[in-house]
Amino acid sequence: VLSIDGPHGPVVHAANRAALLAGVTTGARVVDMRAFCPILRVDYADPG
């Protein structure tokens, strides 16, 4: 996933197919997504 800063920590900005199939959703907090997908790799997004 690619993350951006959210009001309560990083949130998912974009996800690859494997992450989507694992149940990761855009807009969710990264920490919540890692709870059920521990191997989730996170990098910073570049919205600009």
All heavy atoms as atom14 arrays in JSON, in Angstrom:
{
  "sequence": "VLSIDGPHGPVVHAANRAALLAGVTTGARVVDMRAFCPILRVDYADPG",
  "atom14_mask": [
    [1, 1, 1, 1, 1, 1, 1, 0, 0, 0, 0, 0, 0, 0],
    [1, 1, 1, 1, 1, 1, 1, 1, 0, 0, 0, 0, 0, 0],
    [1, 1, 1, 1, 1, 1, 0, 0, 0, 0, 0, 0, 0, 0],
    [1, 1, 1, 1, 1, 1, 1, 1, 0, 0, 0, 0, 0, 0],
    [1, 1, 1, 1, 1, 1, 1, 1, 0, 0, 0, 0, 0, 0],
    [1, 1, 1, 1, 0, 0, 0, 0, 0, 0, 0, 0, 0, 0],
    [1, 1, 1, 1, 1, 1, 1, 0, 0, 0, 0, 0, 0, 0],
    [1, 1, 1, 1, 1, 1, 1, 1, 1, 1, 0, 0, 0, 0],
    [1, 1, 1, 1, 0, 0, 0, 0, 0, 0, 0, 0, 0, 0],
    [1, 1, 1, 1, 1, 1, 1, 0, 0, 0, 0, 0, 0, 0],
    [1, 1, 1, 1, 1, 1, 1, 0, 0, 0, 0, 0, 0, 0],
    [1, 1, 1, 1, 1, 1, 1, 0, 0, 0, 0, 0, 0, 0],
    [1, 1, 1, 1, 1, 1, 1, 1, 1, 1, 0, 0, 0, 0],
    [1, 1, 1, 1, 1, 0, 0, 0, 0, 0, 0, 0, 0, 0],
    [1, 1, 1, 1, 1, 0, 0, 0, 0, 0, 0, 0, 0, 0],
    [1, 1, 1, 1, 1, 1, 1, 1, 0, 0, 0, 0, 0, 0],
    [1, 1, 1, 1, 1, 1, 1, 1, 1, 1, 1, 0, 0, 0],
    [1, 1, 1, 1, 1, 0, 0, 0, 0, 0, 0, 0, 0, 0],
    [1, 1, 1, 1, 1, 0, 0, 0, 0, 0, 0, 0, 0, 0],
    [1, 1, 1, 1, 1, 1, 1, 1, 0, 0, 0, 0, 0, 0],
    [1, 1, 1, 1, 1, 1, 1, 1, 0, 0, 0, 0, 0, 0],
    [1, 1, 1, 1, 1, 0, 0, 0, 0, 0, 0, 0, 0, 0],
    [1, 1, 1, 1, 0, 0, 0, 0, 0, 0, 0, 0, 0, 0],
    [1, 1, 1, 1, 1, 1, 1, 0, 0, 0, 0, 0, 0, 0],
    [1, 1, 1, 1, 1, 1, 1, 0, 0, 0, 0, 0, 0, 0],
    [1, 1, 1, 1, 1, 1, 1, 0, 0, 0, 0, 0, 0, 0],
    [1, 1, 1, 1, 0, 0, 0, 0, 0, 0, 0, 0, 0, 0],
    [1, 1, 1, 1, 1, 0, 0, 0, 0, 0, 0, 0, 0, 0],
    [1, 1, 1, 1, 1, 1, 1, 1, 1, 1, 1, 0, 0, 0],
    [1, 1, 1, 1, 1, 1, 1, 0, 0, 0, 0, 0, 0, 0],
    [1, 1, 1, 1, 1, 1, 1, 0, 0, 0, 0, 0, 0, 0],
    [1, 1, 1, 1, 1, 1, 1, 1, 0, 0, 0, 0, 0, 0],
    [1, 1, 1, 1, 1, 1, 1, 1, 0, 0, 0, 0, 0, 0],
    [1, 1, 1, 1, 1, 1, 1, 1, 1, 1, 1, 0, 0, 0],
    [1, 1, 1, 1, 1, 0, 0, 0, 0, 0, 0, 0, 0, 0],
    [1, 1, 1, 1, 1, 1, 1, 1, 1, 1, 1, 0, 0, 0],
    [1, 1, 1, 1, 1, 1, 0, 0, 0, 0, 0, 0, 0, 0],
    [1, 1, 1, 1, 1, 1, 1, 0, 0, 0, 0, 0, 0, 0],
    [1, 1, 1, 1, 1, 1, 1, 1, 0, 0, 0, 0, 0, 0],
    [1, 1, 1, 1, 1, 1, 1, 1, 0, 0, 0, 0, 0, 0],
    [1, 1, 1, 1, 1, 1, 1, 1, 1, 1, 1, 0, 0, 0],
    [1, 1, 1, 1, 1, 1, 1, 0, 0, 0, 0, 0, 0, 0],
    [1, 1, 1, 1, 1, 1, 1, 1, 0, 0, 0, 0, 0, 0],
    [1, 1, 1, 1, 1, 1, 1, 1, 1, 1, 1, 1, 0, 0],
    [1, 1, 1, 1, 1, 0, 0, 0, 0, 0, 0, 0, 0, 0],
    [1, 1, 1, 1, 1, 1, 1, 1, 0, 0, 0, 0, 0, 0],
    [1, 1, 1, 1, 1, 1, 1, 0, 0, 0, 0, 0, 0, 0],
    [1, 1, 1, 1, 0, 0, 0, 0, 0, 0, 0, 0, 0, 0]
  ],
  "atom14_positions": [
    [[0.84, -1.19, 0.0], [0.0, 0.0, 0.0], [0.87, 1.24, 0.0], [2.04, 1.21, 0.39], [-0.97, 0.06, 1.22], [-1.93, -1.11, 1.21], [-0.22, 0.15, 2.53], [0.0, 0.0, 0.0], [0.0, 0.0, 0.0], [0.0, 0.0, 0.0], [0.0, 0.0, 0.0], [0.0, 0.0, 0.0], [0.0, 0.0, 0.0], [0.0, 0.0, 0.0]],
    [[0.27, 2.32, -0.45], [0.86, 3.65, -0.34], [0.03, 4.4, 0.68], [-1.21, 4.35, 0.63], [0.85, 4.36, -1.69], [1.58, 3.65, -2.82], [1.42, 4.44, -4.12], [3.04, 3.45, -2.49], [0.0, 0.0, 0.0], [0.0, 0.0, 0.0], [0.0, 0.0, 0.0], [0.0, 0.0, 0.0], [0.0, 0.0, 0.0], [0.0, 0.0, 0.0]],
    [[0.68, 5.08, 1.6], [-0.06, 5.75, 2.67], [0.14, 7.26, 2.64], [1.13, 7.76, 2.1], [0.36, 5.2, 4.03], [1.68, 5.64, 4.35], [0.0, 0.0, 0.0], [0.0, 0.0, 0.0], [0.0, 0.0, 0.0], [0.0, 0.0, 0.0], [0.0, 0.0, 0.0], [0.0, 0.0, 0.0], [0.0, 0.0, 0.0], [0.0, 0.0, 0.0]],
    [[-0.83, 7.95, 3.2], [-0.75, 9.39, 3.44], [-1.11, 9.63, 4.9], [-1.7, 8.76, 5.55], [-1.69, 10.19, 2.51], [-3.14, 9.73, 2.66], [-1.24, 10.1, 1.06], [-4.15, 10.58, 1.9], [0.0, 0.0, 0.0], [0.0, 0.0, 0.0], [0.0, 0.0, 0.0], [0.0, 0.0, 0.0], [0.0, 0.0, 0.0], [0.0, 0.0, 0.0]],
    [[-0.75, 10.79, 5.41], [-1.07, 11.11, 6.79], [-2.56, 11.37, 6.94], [-3.16, 12.08, 6.13], [-0.29, 12.33, 7.27], [1.2, 12.05, 7.41], [1.54, 10.88, 7.69], [2.0, 12.97, 7.25], [0.0, 0.0, 0.0], [0.0, 0.0, 0.0], [0.0, 0.0, 0.0], [0.0, 0.0, 0.0], [0.0, 0.0, 0.0], [0.0, 0.0, 0.0]],
    [[-3.14, 10.78, 7.97], [-4.54, 10.98, 8.3], [-4.65, 11.62, 9.67], [-3.64, 11.83, 10.35], [0.0, 0.0, 0.0], [0.0, 0.0, 0.0], [0.0, 0.0, 0.0], [0.0, 0.0, 0.0], [0.0, 0.0, 0.0], [0.0, 0.0, 0.0], [0.0, 0.0, 0.0], [0.0, 0.0, 0.0], [0.0, 0.0, 0.0], [0.0, 0.0, 0.0]],
    [[-5.85, 11.91, 10.12], [-6.02, 12.57, 11.42], [-5.58, 11.71, 12.6], [-5.22, 12.23, 13.65], [-7.52, 12.86, 11.48], [-8.15, 11.96, 10.48], [-7.11, 11.69, 9.44], [0.0, 0.0, 0.0], [0.0, 0.0, 0.0], [0.0, 0.0, 0.0], [0.0, 0.0, 0.0], [0.0, 0.0, 0.0], [0.0, 0.0, 0.0], [0.0, 0.0, 0.0]],
    [[-5.58, 10.39, 12.44], [-5.2, 9.48, 13.53], [-4.1, 8.53, 13.1], [-4.08, 7.37, 13.48], [-6.42, 8.7, 14.01], [-7.53, 9.57, 14.49], [-7.46, 10.29, 15.65], [-8.72, 9.89, 13.92], [-8.57, 10.99, 15.8], [-9.35, 10.77, 14.76], [0.0, 0.0, 0.0], [0.0, 0.0, 0.0], [0.0, 0.0, 0.0], [0.0, 0.0, 0.0]],
    [[-3.19, 9.02, 12.27], [-2.09, 8.2, 11.79], [-2.23, 7.94, 10.29], [-3.17, 8.39, 9.64], [0.0, 0.0, 0.0], [0.0, 0.0, 0.0], [0.0, 0.0, 0.0], [0.0, 0.0, 0.0], [0.0, 0.0, 0.0], [0.0, 0.0, 0.0], [0.0, 0.0, 0.0], [0.0, 0.0, 0.0], [0.0, 0.0, 0.0], [0.0, 0.0, 0.0]],
    [[-1.27, 7.19, 9.74], [-1.28, 6.94, 8.29], [-2.53, 6.18, 7.84], [-3.0, 5.27, 8.54], [-0.03, 6.09, 8.07], [0.8, 6.24, 9.3], [-0.12, 6.59, 10.41], [0.0, 0.0, 0.0], [0.0, 0.0, 0.0], [0.0, 0.0, 0.0], [0.0, 0.0, 0.0], [0.0, 0.0, 0.0], [0.0, 0.0, 0.0], [0.0, 0.0, 0.0]],
    [[-3.04, 6.55, 6.67], [-4.17, 5.86, 6.07], [-3.76, 5.37, 4.68], [-2.87, 5.92, 4.05], [-5.43, 6.75, 5.97], [-5.93, 7.13, 7.34], [-5.17, 7.97, 5.14], [0.0, 0.0, 0.0], [0.0, 0.0, 0.0], [0.0, 0.0, 0.0], [0.0, 0.0, 0.0], [0.0, 0.0, 0.0], [0.0, 0.0, 0.0], [0.0, 0.0, 0.0]],
    [[-4.46, 4.35, 4.21], [-4.17, 3.75, 2.91], [-4.67, 4.69, 1.81], [-5.84, 5.06, 1.78], [-4.85, 2.37, 2.78], [-4.64, 1.81, 1.37], [-4.32, 1.41, 3.83], [0.0, 0.0, 0.0], [0.0, 0.0, 0.0], [0.0, 0.0, 0.0], [0.0, 0.0, 0.0], [0.0, 0.0, 0.0], [0.0, 0.0, 0.0], [0.0, 0.0, 0.0]],
    [[-3.76, 5.09, 0.95], [-4.08, 5.96, -0.18], [-4.3, 5.13, -1.45], [-5.16, 5.43, -2.26], [-2.95, 6.97, -0.39], [-3.11, 7.85, -1.57], [-4.06, 8.84, -1.62], [-2.44, 7.91, -2.75], [-3.98, 9.47, -2.79], [-3.0, 8.92, -3.48], [0.0, 0.0, 0.0], [0.0, 0.0, 0.0], [0.0, 0.0, 0.0], [0.0, 0.0, 0.0]],
    [[-3.51, 4.08, -1.61], [-3.6, 3.18, -2.77], [-3.11, 1.81, -2.36], [-2.28, 1.69, -1.46], [-2.77, 3.73, -3.93], [0.0, 0.0, 0.0], [0.0, 0.0, 0.0], [0.0, 0.0, 0.0], [0.0, 0.0, 0.0], [0.0, 0.0, 0.0], [0.0, 0.0, 0.0], [0.0, 0.0, 0.0], [0.0, 0.0, 0.0], [0.0, 0.0, 0.0]],
    [[-3.63, 0.79, -3.04], [-3.25, -0.58, -2.71], [-3.09, -1.38, -4.0], [-3.81, -1.15, -4.97], [-4.31, -1.22, -1.82], [0.0, 0.0, 0.0], [0.0, 0.0, 0.0], [0.0, 0.0, 0.0], [0.0, 0.0, 0.0], [0.0, 0.0, 0.0], [0.0, 0.0, 0.0], [0.0, 0.0, 0.0], [0.0, 0.0, 0.0], [0.0, 0.0, 0.0]],
    [[-2.16, -2.33, -3.97], [-2.0, -3.19, -5.15], [-3.04, -4.31, -5.11], [-3.81, -4.46, -4.15], [-0.57, -3.72, -5.27], [-0.2, -4.75, -4.22], [-0.97, -5.05, -3.3], [1.0, -5.28, -4.33], [0.0, 0.0, 0.0], [0.0, 0.0, 0.0], [0.0, 0.0, 0.0], [0.0, 0.0, 0.0], [0.0, 0.0, 0.0], [0.0, 0.0, 0.0]],
    [[-3.06, -5.11, -6.16], [-4.06, -6.18, -6.27], [-3.98, -7.17, -5.12], [-5.0, -7.6, -4.57], [-3.89, -6.89, -7.61], [-4.87, -7.99, -7.87], [-4.72, -8.53, -9.29], [-5.41, -9.77, -9.51], [-6.73, -9.9, -9.63], [-7.5, -8.84, -9.54], [-7.26, -11.08, -9.84], [0.0, 0.0, 0.0], [0.0, 0.0, 0.0], [0.0, 0.0, 0.0]],
    [[-2.77, -7.56, -4.73], [-2.6, -8.52, -3.63], [-3.17, -7.97, -2.33], [-3.8, -8.7, -1.56], [-1.13, -8.88, -3.46], [0.0, 0.0, 0.0], [0.0, 0.0, 0.0], [0.0, 0.0, 0.0], [0.0, 0.0, 0.0], [0.0, 0.0, 0.0], [0.0, 0.0, 0.0], [0.0, 0.0, 0.0], [0.0, 0.0, 0.0], [0.0, 0.0, 0.0]],
    [[-2.97, -6.69, -2.08], [-3.5, -6.08, -0.87], [-5.02, -6.0, -0.92], [-5.71, -6.28, 0.08], [-2.92, -4.68, -0.68], [0.0, 0.0, 0.0], [0.0, 0.0, 0.0], [0.0, 0.0, 0.0], [0.0, 0.0, 0.0], [0.0, 0.0, 0.0], [0.0, 0.0, 0.0], [0.0, 0.0, 0.0], [0.0, 0.0, 0.0], [0.0, 0.0, 0.0]],
    [[-5.57, -5.66, -2.08], [-7.02, -5.6, -2.21], [-7.64, -6.97, -2.0], [-8.69, -7.1, -1.35], [-7.41, -5.03, -3.57], [-7.03, -3.56, -3.81], [-7.27, -3.17, -5.26], [-7.78, -2.64, -2.86], [0.0, 0.0, 0.0], [0.0, 0.0, 0.0], [0.0, 0.0, 0.0], [0.0, 0.0, 0.0], [0.0, 0.0, 0.0], [0.0, 0.0, 0.0]],
    [[-7.0, -8.02, -2.55], [-7.5, -9.38, -2.37], [-7.39, -9.83, -0.91], [-8.16, -10.67, -0.46], [-6.74, -10.36, -3.28], [-7.03, -10.21, -4.77], [-6.1, -11.1, -5.59], [-8.49, -10.53, -5.07], [0.0, 0.0, 0.0], [0.0, 0.0, 0.0], [0.0, 0.0, 0.0], [0.0, 0.0, 0.0], [0.0, 0.0, 0.0], [0.0, 0.0, 0.0]],
    [[-6.44, -9.26, -0.18], [-6.28, -9.58, 1.24], [-7.28, -8.82, 2.11], [-7.31, -9.01, 3.32], [-4.85, -9.29, 1.69], [0.0, 0.0, 0.0], [0.0, 0.0, 0.0], [0.0, 0.0, 0.0], [0.0, 0.0, 0.0], [0.0, 0.0, 0.0], [0.0, 0.0, 0.0], [0.0, 0.0, 0.0], [0.0, 0.0, 0.0], [0.0, 0.0, 0.0]],
    [[-8.07, -7.93, 1.51], [-9.09, -7.2, 2.25], [-8.72, -5.79, 2.64], [-9.47, -5.12, 3.36], [0.0, 0.0, 0.0], [0.0, 0.0, 0.0], [0.0, 0.0, 0.0], [0.0, 0.0, 0.0], [0.0, 0.0, 0.0], [0.0, 0.0, 0.0], [0.0, 0.0, 0.0], [0.0, 0.0, 0.0], [0.0, 0.0, 0.0], [0.0, 0.0, 0.0]],
    [[-7.6, -5.3, 2.18], [-7.18, -3.93, 2.48], [-8.1, -2.96, 1.74], [-8.41, -3.18, 0.57], [-5.71, -3.72, 2.08], [-5.31, -2.26, 2.22], [-4.8, -4.61, 2.92], [0.0, 0.0, 0.0], [0.0, 0.0, 0.0], [0.0, 0.0, 0.0], [0.0, 0.0, 0.0], [0.0, 0.0, 0.0], [0.0, 0.0, 0.0], [0.0, 0.0, 0.0]],
    [[-8.52, -1.9, 2.41], [-9.39, -0.92, 1.79], [-8.76, 0.47, 1.82], [-8.11, 0.85, 2.79], [-10.77, -0.86, 2.48], [-10.58, -0.57, 3.87], [-11.52, -2.15, 2.34], [0.0, 0.0, 0.0], [0.0, 0.0, 0.0], [0.0, 0.0, 0.0], [0.0, 0.0, 0.0], [0.0, 0.0, 0.0], [0.0, 0.0, 0.0], [0.0, 0.0, 0.0]],
    [[-8.98, 1.19, 0.75], [-8.48, 2.56, 0.65], [-9.21, 3.43, 1.67], [-10.42, 3.31, 1.84], [-8.71, 3.1, -0.77], [-8.06, 2.23, -1.69], [-8.15, 4.5, -0.93], [0.0, 0.0, 0.0], [0.0, 0.0, 0.0], [0.0, 0.0, 0.0], [0.0, 0.0, 0.0], [0.0, 0.0, 0.0], [0.0, 0.0, 0.0], [0.0, 0.0, 0.0]],
    [[-8.46, 4.29, 2.35], [-9.03, 5.18, 3.35], [-8.96, 4.63, 4.76], [-9.17, 5.36, 5.72], [0.0, 0.0, 0.0], [0.0, 0.0, 0.0], [0.0, 0.0, 0.0], [0.0, 0.0, 0.0], [0.0, 0.0, 0.0], [0.0, 0.0, 0.0], [0.0, 0.0, 0.0], [0.0, 0.0, 0.0], [0.0, 0.0, 0.0], [0.0, 0.0, 0.0]],
    [[-8.66, 3.34, 4.89], [-8.56, 2.73, 6.22], [-7.2, 3.05, 6.85], [-6.23, 3.33, 6.15], [-8.74, 1.22, 6.12], [0.0, 0.0, 0.0], [0.0, 0.0, 0.0], [0.0, 0.0, 0.0], [0.0, 0.0, 0.0], [0.0, 0.0, 0.0], [0.0, 0.0, 0.0], [0.0, 0.0, 0.0], [0.0, 0.0, 0.0], [0.0, 0.0, 0.0]],
    [[-7.16, 3.02, 8.17], [-5.88, 3.25, 8.85], [-4.94, 2.08, 8.59], [-5.35, 0.92, 8.59], [-6.09, 3.43, 10.35], [-6.85, 4.69, 10.69], [-6.99, 4.96, 12.16], [-7.08, 3.75, 12.96], [-6.63, 3.66, 14.21], [-6.06, 4.69, 14.8], [-6.76, 2.54, 14.89], [0.0, 0.0, 0.0], [0.0, 0.0, 0.0], [0.0, 0.0, 0.0]],
    [[-3.68, 2.39, 8.36], [-2.67, 1.37, 8.08], [-2.57, 0.39, 9.24], [-2.5, -0.83, 9.03], [-1.3, 2.02, 7.78], [-0.2, 0.97, 7.73], [-1.36, 2.79, 6.47], [0.0, 0.0, 0.0], [0.0, 0.0, 0.0], [0.0, 0.0, 0.0], [0.0, 0.0, 0.0], [0.0, 0.0, 0.0], [0.0, 0.0, 0.0], [0.0, 0.0, 0.0]],
    [[-2.61, 0.87, 10.46], [-2.49, -0.01, 11.62], [-3.64, -1.02, 11.65], [-3.44, -2.19, 12.0], [-2.4, 0.8, 12.94], [-3.7, 1.51, 13.25], [-1.96, -0.07, 14.08], [0.0, 0.0, 0.0], [0.0, 0.0, 0.0], [0.0, 0.0, 0.0], [0.0, 0.0, 0.0], [0.0, 0.0, 0.0], [0.0, 0.0, 0.0], [0.0, 0.0, 0.0]],
    [[-4.84, -0.62, 11.26], [-5.97, -1.55, 11.22], [-5.79, -2.59, 10.12], [-6.12, -3.76, 10.31], [-7.28, -0.78, 10.99], [-7.63, 0.13, 12.15], [-7.16, -0.12, 13.28], [-8.37, 1.11, 11.93], [0.0, 0.0, 0.0], [0.0, 0.0, 0.0], [0.0, 0.0, 0.0], [0.0, 0.0, 0.0], [0.0, 0.0, 0.0], [0.0, 0.0, 0.0]],
    [[-5.27, -2.17, 8.98], [-5.06, -3.11, 7.88], [-3.96, -4.1, 8.2], [-4.01, -5.26, 7.81], [-4.74, -2.36, 6.58], [-5.87, -1.48, 6.08], [-7.39, -2.38, 5.67], [-8.37, -2.17, 7.12], [0.0, 0.0, 0.0], [0.0, 0.0, 0.0], [0.0, 0.0, 0.0], [0.0, 0.0, 0.0], [0.0, 0.0, 0.0], [0.0, 0.0, 0.0]],
    [[-2.96, -3.67, 8.95], [-1.88, -4.59, 9.34], [-2.35, -5.6, 10.37], [-1.74, -6.66, 10.52], [-0.71, -3.79, 9.91], [0.23, -3.31, 8.85], [1.59, -3.01, 9.44], [2.55, -2.79, 8.38], [3.43, -1.82, 8.4], [3.49, -0.98, 9.41], [4.29, -1.69, 7.41], [0.0, 0.0, 0.0], [0.0, 0.0, 0.0], [0.0, 0.0, 0.0]],
    [[-3.45, -5.31, 11.07], [-3.96, -6.25, 12.06], [-4.38, -7.56, 11.42], [-4.21, -8.63, 12.0], [-5.14, -5.62, 12.81], [0.0, 0.0, 0.0], [0.0, 0.0, 0.0], [0.0, 0.0, 0.0], [0.0, 0.0, 0.0], [0.0, 0.0, 0.0], [0.0, 0.0, 0.0], [0.0, 0.0, 0.0], [0.0, 0.0, 0.0], [0.0, 0.0, 0.0]],
    [[-4.97, -7.5, 10.21], [-5.36, -8.76, 9.57], [-4.52, -9.1, 8.35], [-4.72, -10.12, 7.71], [-6.86, -8.77, 9.21], [-7.29, -7.76, 8.22], [-7.22, -8.03, 6.86], [-7.79, -6.55, 8.62], [-7.64, -7.11, 5.94], [-8.21, -5.61, 7.7], [-8.13, -5.89, 6.36], [0.0, 0.0, 0.0], [0.0, 0.0, 0.0], [0.0, 0.0, 0.0]],
    [[-3.54, -8.25, 8.03], [-2.59, -8.55, 6.96], [-1.2, -8.14, 7.45], [-0.68, -7.09, 7.07], [-2.98, -7.8, 5.68], [-1.96, -8.24, 4.26], [0.0, 0.0, 0.0], [0.0, 0.0, 0.0], [0.0, 0.0, 0.0], [0.0, 0.0, 0.0], [0.0, 0.0, 0.0], [0.0, 0.0, 0.0], [0.0, 0.0, 0.0], [0.0, 0.0, 0.0]],
    [[-0.6, -8.96, 8.33], [0.67, -8.59, 8.95], [1.84, -8.4, 7.98], [2.8, -7.71, 8.3], [0.97, -9.74, 9.91], [-0.24, -10.58, 9.96], [-1.11, -10.23, 8.8], [0.0, 0.0, 0.0], [0.0, 0.0, 0.0], [0.0, 0.0, 0.0], [0.0, 0.0, 0.0], [0.0, 0.0, 0.0], [0.0, 0.0, 0.0], [0.0, 0.0, 0.0]],
    [[1.78, -9.01, 6.79], [2.88, -8.89, 5.84], [2.72, -7.67, 4.94], [3.47, -7.52, 3.97], [3.05, -10.17, 5.01], [1.8, -10.44, 4.17], [3.41, -11.35, 5.88], [2.0, -11.53, 3.13], [0.0, 0.0, 0.0], [0.0, 0.0, 0.0], [0.0, 0.0, 0.0], [0.0, 0.0, 0.0], [0.0, 0.0, 0.0], [0.0, 0.0, 0.0]],
    [[1.78, -6.81, 5.25], [1.51, -5.62, 4.43], [2.73, -4.71, 4.39], [3.27, -4.31, 5.41], [0.31, -4.86, 5.01], [-0.19, -3.67, 4.21], [-0.76, -4.13, 2.88], [-1.26, -2.93, 5.01], [0.0, 0.0, 0.0], [0.0, 0.0, 0.0], [0.0, 0.0, 0.0], [0.0, 0.0, 0.0], [0.0, 0.0, 0.0], [0.0, 0.0, 0.0]],
    [[3.18, -4.41, 3.18], [4.3, -3.49, 2.98], [3.74, -2.09, 2.76], [2.8, -1.92, 1.97], [5.14, -3.92, 1.78], [6.3, -3.0, 1.52], [7.16, -3.48, 0.4], [8.04, -2.39, -0.01], [8.88, -2.47, -1.01], [9.0, -3.58, -1.69], [9.63, -1.44, -1.33], [0.0, 0.0, 0.0], [0.0, 0.0, 0.0], [0.0, 0.0, 0.0]],
    [[4.32, -1.1, 3.42], [3.81, 0.27, 3.35], [4.9, 1.21, 2.89], [6.02, 1.18, 3.41], [3.28, 0.74, 4.73], [2.74, 2.15, 4.66], [2.22, -0.22, 5.26], [0.0, 0.0, 0.0], [0.0, 0.0, 0.0], [0.0, 0.0, 0.0], [0.0, 0.0, 0.0], [0.0, 0.0, 0.0], [0.0, 0.0, 0.0], [0.0, 0.0, 0.0]],
    [[4.58, 2.02, 1.89], [5.45, 3.1, 1.44], [4.62, 4.38, 1.4], [3.39, 4.32, 1.38], [6.01, 2.8, 0.04], [7.16, 1.8, 0.09], [8.23, 2.17, 0.6], [6.97, 0.67, -0.38], [0.0, 0.0, 0.0], [0.0, 0.0, 0.0], [0.0, 0.0, 0.0], [0.0, 0.0, 0.0], [0.0, 0.0, 0.0], [0.0, 0.0, 0.0]],
    [[5.31, 5.51, 1.37], [4.59, 6.79, 1.33], [4.12, 7.11, -0.08], [4.84, 6.9, -1.05], [5.48, 7.92, 1.84], [5.68, 7.86, 3.33], [6.88, 7.41, 3.87], [4.67, 8.23, 4.2], [7.07, 7.33, 5.23], [4.85, 8.14, 5.57], [6.05, 7.7, 6.08], [6.22, 7.62, 7.43], [0.0, 0.0, 0.0], [0.0, 0.0, 0.0]],
    [[2.91, 7.62, -0.16], [2.35, 8.06, -1.44], [2.91, 9.43, -1.8], [3.45, 10.14, -0.95], [0.82, 8.12, -1.34], [0.0, 0.0, 0.0], [0.0, 0.0, 0.0], [0.0, 0.0, 0.0], [0.0, 0.0, 0.0], [0.0, 0.0, 0.0], [0.0, 0.0, 0.0], [0.0, 0.0, 0.0], [0.0, 0.0, 0.0], [0.0, 0.0, 0.0]],
    [[2.75, 9.8, -3.04], [3.18, 11.1, -3.54], [2.01, 11.77, -4.25], [1.98, 11.82, -5.48], [4.37, 10.91, -4.49], [4.89, 12.21, -5.07], [4.56, 13.29, -4.55], [5.63, 12.14, -6.07], [0.0, 0.0, 0.0], [0.0, 0.0, 0.0], [0.0, 0.0, 0.0], [0.0, 0.0, 0.0], [0.0, 0.0, 0.0], [0.0, 0.0, 0.0]],
    [[1.0, 12.26, -3.5], [-0.17, 12.85, -4.14], [0.17, 14.03, -5.05], [-0.44, 14.19, -6.11], [-1.04, 13.31, -2.97], [-0.58, 12.52, -1.8], [0.87, 12.24, -2.04], [0.0, 0.0, 0.0], [0.0, 0.0, 0.0], [0.0, 0.0, 0.0], [0.0, 0.0, 0.0], [0.0, 0.0, 0.0], [0.0, 0.0, 0.0], [0.0, 0.0, 0.0]],
    [[1.15, 14.83, -4.68], [1.56, 15.95, -5.53], [2.15, 15.46, -6.84], [1.86, 16.0, -7.92], [0.0, 0.0, 0.0], [0.0, 0.0, 0.0], [0.0, 0.0, 0.0], [0.0, 0.0, 0.0], [0.0, 0.0, 0.0], [0.0, 0.0, 0.0], [0.0, 0.0, 0.0], [0.0, 0.0, 0.0], [0.0, 0.0, 0.0], [0.0, 0.0, 0.0]]
  ]
}
